[in-house]
C-alpha cells in the first residue's frame, strides 16, 4: 500500500496497491522531494482511460519499475477529473513542447513544480506559478 489508500478518487484508489510509493498532489510530496533532493515523477490520468490502465499493468505494477521510480523520484499521481487545474497546466506544457498530448501524462519536474523535461525528450524549462 502507498499514500493513495486514503484518497476518495477511484483513479487514485486504483493505484493504492501499486509498489510505486505514490503520493497524491500535496505539500508533503514536494517537501520530501526537496529534502531528498529528488525530482518529481508526475503521472496524470483518469479512471476510464484505456492507456492509463495499460500503463499501470505494464509499468506501475512491475516491481523492477517501481524500485527504479522509488529510488530516483518522488512519485505523484493525479486524477485529471479531480484536479483539472493541475492537468491543464502540465498538459499545456506537454502540448507546447511536443505539439501533442494525451493520457497518461508523465512529467518530470523539480520540487518547486517546474517541469524540466518529458521522459525521453529533453526540453527547456518552463516556469509555472500557481
C-alpha atoms as a PDB file:
ATOM      1  CA  UNK A   1       0.000   0.000   0.000  1.00  0.00           C
ATOM      2  CA  UNK A   2       1.042   3.589  -0.561  1.00  0.00           C
ATOM      3  CA  UNK A   3      -0.227   7.053   0.344  1.00  0.00           C
ATOM      4  CA  UNK A   4      -3.173   6.864  -2.070  1.00  0.00           C
ATOM      5  CA  UNK A   5      -5.063   4.387   0.122  1.00  0.00           C
ATOM      6  CA  UNK A   6      -6.971   7.179   1.928  1.00  0.00           C
ATOM      7  CA  UNK A   7      -7.935   9.132  -1.186  1.00  0.00           C
ATOM      8  CA  UNK A   8     -11.508   9.401  -2.488  1.00  0.00           C
ATOM      9  CA  UNK A   9     -10.785   9.347  -6.225  1.00  0.00           C
ATOM     10  CA  UNK A  10     -11.468   5.964  -7.892  1.00  0.00           C
ATOM     11  CA  UNK A  11      -8.414   6.555 -10.119  1.00  0.00           C
ATOM     12  CA  UNK A  12      -6.083   7.208  -7.187  1.00  0.00           C
ATOM     13  CA  UNK A  13      -7.513   4.262  -5.259  1.00  0.00           C
ATOM     14  CA  UNK A  14      -6.854   2.074  -8.305  1.00  0.00           C
ATOM     15  CA  UNK A  15      -3.136   2.797  -7.761  1.00  0.00           C
ATOM     16  CA  UNK A  16      -3.170   2.453  -3.969  1.00  0.00           C
ATOM     17  CA  UNK A  17      -1.740  -1.070  -4.072  1.00  0.00           C
ATOM     18  CA  UNK A  18       0.971  -0.418  -6.653  1.00  0.00           C
ATOM     19  CA  UNK A  19       4.535  -0.996  -5.426  1.00  0.00           C
ATOM     20  CA  UNK A  20       5.263   2.594  -6.539  1.00  0.00           C
ATOM     21  CA  UNK A  21       5.399   4.803  -3.461  1.00  0.00           C
ATOM     22  CA  UNK A  22       2.748   7.218  -4.776  1.00  0.00           C
ATOM     23  CA  UNK A  23       1.845  10.488  -3.136  1.00  0.00           C
ATOM     24  CA  UNK A  24      -1.271  12.427  -4.026  1.00  0.00           C
ATOM     25  CA  UNK A  25      -0.662  16.051  -5.068  1.00  0.00           C
ATOM     26  CA  UNK A  26       0.223  17.573  -1.684  1.00  0.00           C
ATOM     27  CA  UNK A  27       2.761  19.792   0.050  1.00  0.00           C
ATOM     28  CA  UNK A  28       4.266  16.755   1.797  1.00  0.00           C
ATOM     29  CA  UNK A  29       5.391  15.304  -1.545  1.00  0.00           C
ATOM     30  CA  UNK A  30       7.131  18.482  -2.644  1.00  0.00           C
ATOM     31  CA  UNK A  31       8.791  18.949   0.747  1.00  0.00           C
ATOM     32  CA  UNK A  32      10.043  15.356   0.633  1.00  0.00           C
ATOM     33  CA  UNK A  33      11.424  15.857  -2.875  1.00  0.00           C
ATOM     34  CA  UNK A  34      13.294  18.940  -1.712  1.00  0.00           C
ATOM     35  CA  UNK A  35      14.557  17.185   1.418  1.00  0.00           C
ATOM     36  CA  UNK A  36      15.801  14.150  -0.554  1.00  0.00           C
ATOM     37  CA  UNK A  37      16.980  16.300  -3.486  1.00  0.00           C
ATOM     38  CA  UNK A  38      14.950  14.205  -5.931  1.00  0.00           C
ATOM     39  CA  UNK A  39      12.940  15.209  -8.990  1.00  0.00           C
ATOM     40  CA  UNK A  40       9.196  14.611  -9.130  1.00  0.00           C
ATOM     41  CA  UNK A  41       7.701  11.920 -11.364  1.00  0.00           C
ATOM     42  CA  UNK A  42       4.202  13.309 -12.041  1.00  0.00           C
ATOM     43  CA  UNK A  43       1.669  10.926 -13.546  1.00  0.00           C
ATOM     44  CA  UNK A  44      -1.751  12.281 -14.540  1.00  0.00           C
ATOM     45  CA  UNK A  45      -4.615  10.126 -15.763  1.00  0.00           C
ATOM     46  CA  UNK A  46      -8.228   9.163 -15.118  1.00  0.00           C
ATOM     47  CA  UNK A  47     -10.183   6.044 -14.267  1.00  0.00           C
ATOM     48  CA  UNK A  48     -11.787   5.363 -17.674  1.00  0.00           C
ATOM     49  CA  UNK A  49      -8.600   5.926 -19.714  1.00  0.00           C
ATOM     50  CA  UNK A  50      -7.605   2.733 -21.550  1.00  0.00           C
ATOM     51  CA  UNK A  51      -3.898   3.643 -21.806  1.00  0.00           C
ATOM     52  CA  UNK A  52      -3.790   4.660 -18.138  1.00  0.00           C
ATOM     53  CA  UNK A  53      -4.829   1.090 -17.255  1.00  0.00           C
ATOM     54  CA  UNK A  54      -2.277  -0.342 -19.667  1.00  0.00           C
ATOM     55  CA  UNK A  55       0.499   1.760 -18.145  1.00  0.00           C
ATOM     56  CA  UNK A  56      -0.498   0.677 -14.655  1.00  0.00           C
ATOM     57  CA  UNK A  57      -0.413  -3.003 -15.566  1.00  0.00           C
ATOM     58  CA  UNK A  58       2.790  -2.835 -17.608  1.00  0.00           C
ATOM     59  CA  UNK A  59       4.750  -0.340 -15.502  1.00  0.00           C
ATOM     60  CA  UNK A  60       3.360   0.662 -12.128  1.00  0.00           C
ATOM     61  CA  UNK A  61       2.590  -2.901 -11.010  1.00  0.00           C
ATOM     62  CA  UNK A  62       6.056  -4.083 -12.053  1.00  0.00           C
ATOM     63  CA  UNK A  63       8.399  -4.483  -9.066  1.00  0.00           C
ATOM     64  CA  UNK A  64      11.555  -3.520 -11.002  1.00  0.00           C
ATOM     65  CA  UNK A  65       9.979  -0.397 -12.475  1.00  0.00           C
ATOM     66  CA  UNK A  66       8.622   0.574  -9.058  1.00  0.00           C
ATOM     67  CA  UNK A  67      12.050   0.101  -7.470  1.00  0.00           C
ATOM     68  CA  UNK A  68      13.629   2.393 -10.051  1.00  0.00           C
ATOM     69  CA  UNK A  69      10.903   5.019  -9.672  1.00  0.00           C
ATOM     70  CA  UNK A  70      11.040   4.890  -5.870  1.00  0.00           C
ATOM     71  CA  UNK A  71      14.843   5.210  -5.782  1.00  0.00           C
ATOM     72  CA  UNK A  72      15.029   8.025  -8.337  1.00  0.00           C
ATOM     73  CA  UNK A  73      11.918  10.145  -7.827  1.00  0.00           C
ATOM     74  CA  UNK A  74       9.208  11.283  -5.507  1.00  0.00           C
ATOM     75  CA  UNK A  75       6.172   9.947  -7.386  1.00  0.00           C
ATOM     76  CA  UNK A  76       2.915  11.873  -7.522  1.00  0.00           C
ATOM     77  CA  UNK A  77      -0.311  10.536  -9.029  1.00  0.00           C
ATOM     78  CA  UNK A  78      -3.078  12.978 -10.074  1.00  0.00           C
ATOM     79  CA  UNK A  79      -6.625  12.262 -11.218  1.00  0.00           C
ATOM     80  CA  UNK A  80      -7.271  14.753 -14.038  1.00  0.00           C
ATOM     81  CA  UNK A  81     -11.010  14.655 -13.294  1.00  0.00           C
ATOM     82  CA  UNK A  82     -10.414  15.571  -9.650  1.00  0.00           C
ATOM     83  CA  UNK A  83      -7.694  18.187 -10.360  1.00  0.00           C
ATOM     84  CA  UNK A  84      -8.332  19.704 -13.809  1.00  0.00           C
ATOM     85  CA  UNK A  85      -6.334  22.750 -12.695  1.00  0.00           C
ATOM     86  CA  UNK A  86      -3.142  20.704 -12.383  1.00  0.00           C
ATOM     87  CA  UNK A  87      -3.865  18.699 -15.517  1.00  0.00           C
ATOM     88  CA  UNK A  88      -4.389  21.818 -17.638  1.00  0.00           C
ATOM     89  CA  UNK A  89      -1.059  23.370 -16.595  1.00  0.00           C
ATOM     90  CA  UNK A  90       1.050  20.319 -17.344  1.00  0.00           C
ATOM     91  CA  UNK A  91      -0.925  19.279 -20.439  1.00  0.00           C
ATOM     92  CA  UNK A  92      -0.368  22.777 -21.844  1.00  0.00           C
ATOM     93  CA  UNK A  93       3.368  22.380 -21.214  1.00  0.00           C
ATOM     94  CA  UNK A  94       3.382  18.979 -22.923  1.00  0.00           C
ATOM     95  CA  UNK A  95       1.496  20.318 -25.931  1.00  0.00           C
ATOM     96  CA  UNK A  96       3.763  23.351 -26.227  1.00  0.00           C
ATOM     97  CA  UNK A  97       6.893  21.206 -26.113  1.00  0.00           C
ATOM     98  CA  UNK A  98       5.779  18.288 -28.291  1.00  0.00           C
ATOM     99  CA  UNK A  99       2.854  19.541 -30.362  1.00  0.00           C
ATOM    100  CA  UNK A 100       0.508  16.915 -28.895  1.00  0.00           C
ATOM    101  CA  UNK A 101      -0.673  15.452 -25.609  1.00  0.00           C
ATOM    102  CA  UNK A 102      -2.784  12.761 -24.041  1.00  0.00           C
ATOM    103  CA  UNK A 103      -3.116  10.492 -21.071  1.00  0.00           C
ATOM    104  CA  UNK A 104      -1.490   9.095 -19.159  1.00  0.00           C
ATOM    105  CA  UNK A 105       0.593  12.234 -18.979  1.00  0.00           C
ATOM    106  CA  UNK A 106       4.042  11.921 -17.424  1.00  0.00           C
ATOM    107  CA  UNK A 107       6.060  14.983 -16.474  1.00  0.00           C
ATOM    108  CA  UNK A 108       9.419  15.084 -14.744  1.00  0.00           C
ATOM    109  CA  UNK A 109       9.640  18.214 -12.635  1.00  0.00           C
ATOM    110  CA  UNK A 110      11.561  19.969  -9.927  1.00  0.00           C
ATOM    111  CA  UNK A 111      10.398  20.104  -6.297  1.00  0.00           C
ATOM    112  CA  UNK A 112       9.225  23.692  -6.957  1.00  0.00           C
ATOM    113  CA  UNK A 113       6.708  22.396  -9.558  1.00  0.00           C
ATOM    114  CA  UNK A 114       8.611  23.438 -12.665  1.00  0.00           C
ATOM    115  CA  UNK A 115       8.576  20.889 -15.466  1.00  0.00           C
ATOM    116  CA  UNK A 116      12.125  20.210 -16.554  1.00  0.00           C
ATOM    117  CA  UNK A 117      11.637  17.667 -19.346  1.00  0.00           C
ATOM    118  CA  UNK A 118       9.367  14.988 -20.643  1.00  0.00           C
ATOM    119  CA  UNK A 119      10.720  11.426 -20.462  1.00  0.00           C
ATOM    120  CA  UNK A 120      12.913  10.681 -23.470  1.00  0.00           C
ATOM    121  CA  UNK A 121      12.670  14.301 -24.659  1.00  0.00           C
ATOM    122  CA  UNK A 122      14.901  16.902 -23.024  1.00  0.00           C
ATOM    123  CA  UNK A 123      13.326  20.343 -23.108  1.00  0.00           C
ATOM    124  CA  UNK A 124      13.998  23.844 -21.832  1.00  0.00           C
ATOM    125  CA  UNK A 125      12.414  24.769 -18.508  1.00  0.00           C
ATOM    126  CA  UNK A 126       9.028  26.462 -18.334  1.00  0.00           C
ATOM    127  CA  UNK A 127       8.412  28.190 -15.043  1.00  0.00           C
ATOM    128  CA  UNK A 128       4.903  27.839 -13.682  1.00  0.00           C
ATOM    129  CA  UNK A 129       3.397  29.732 -10.779  1.00  0.00           C
ATOM    130  CA  UNK A 130       0.161  28.903  -9.055  1.00  0.00           C
END
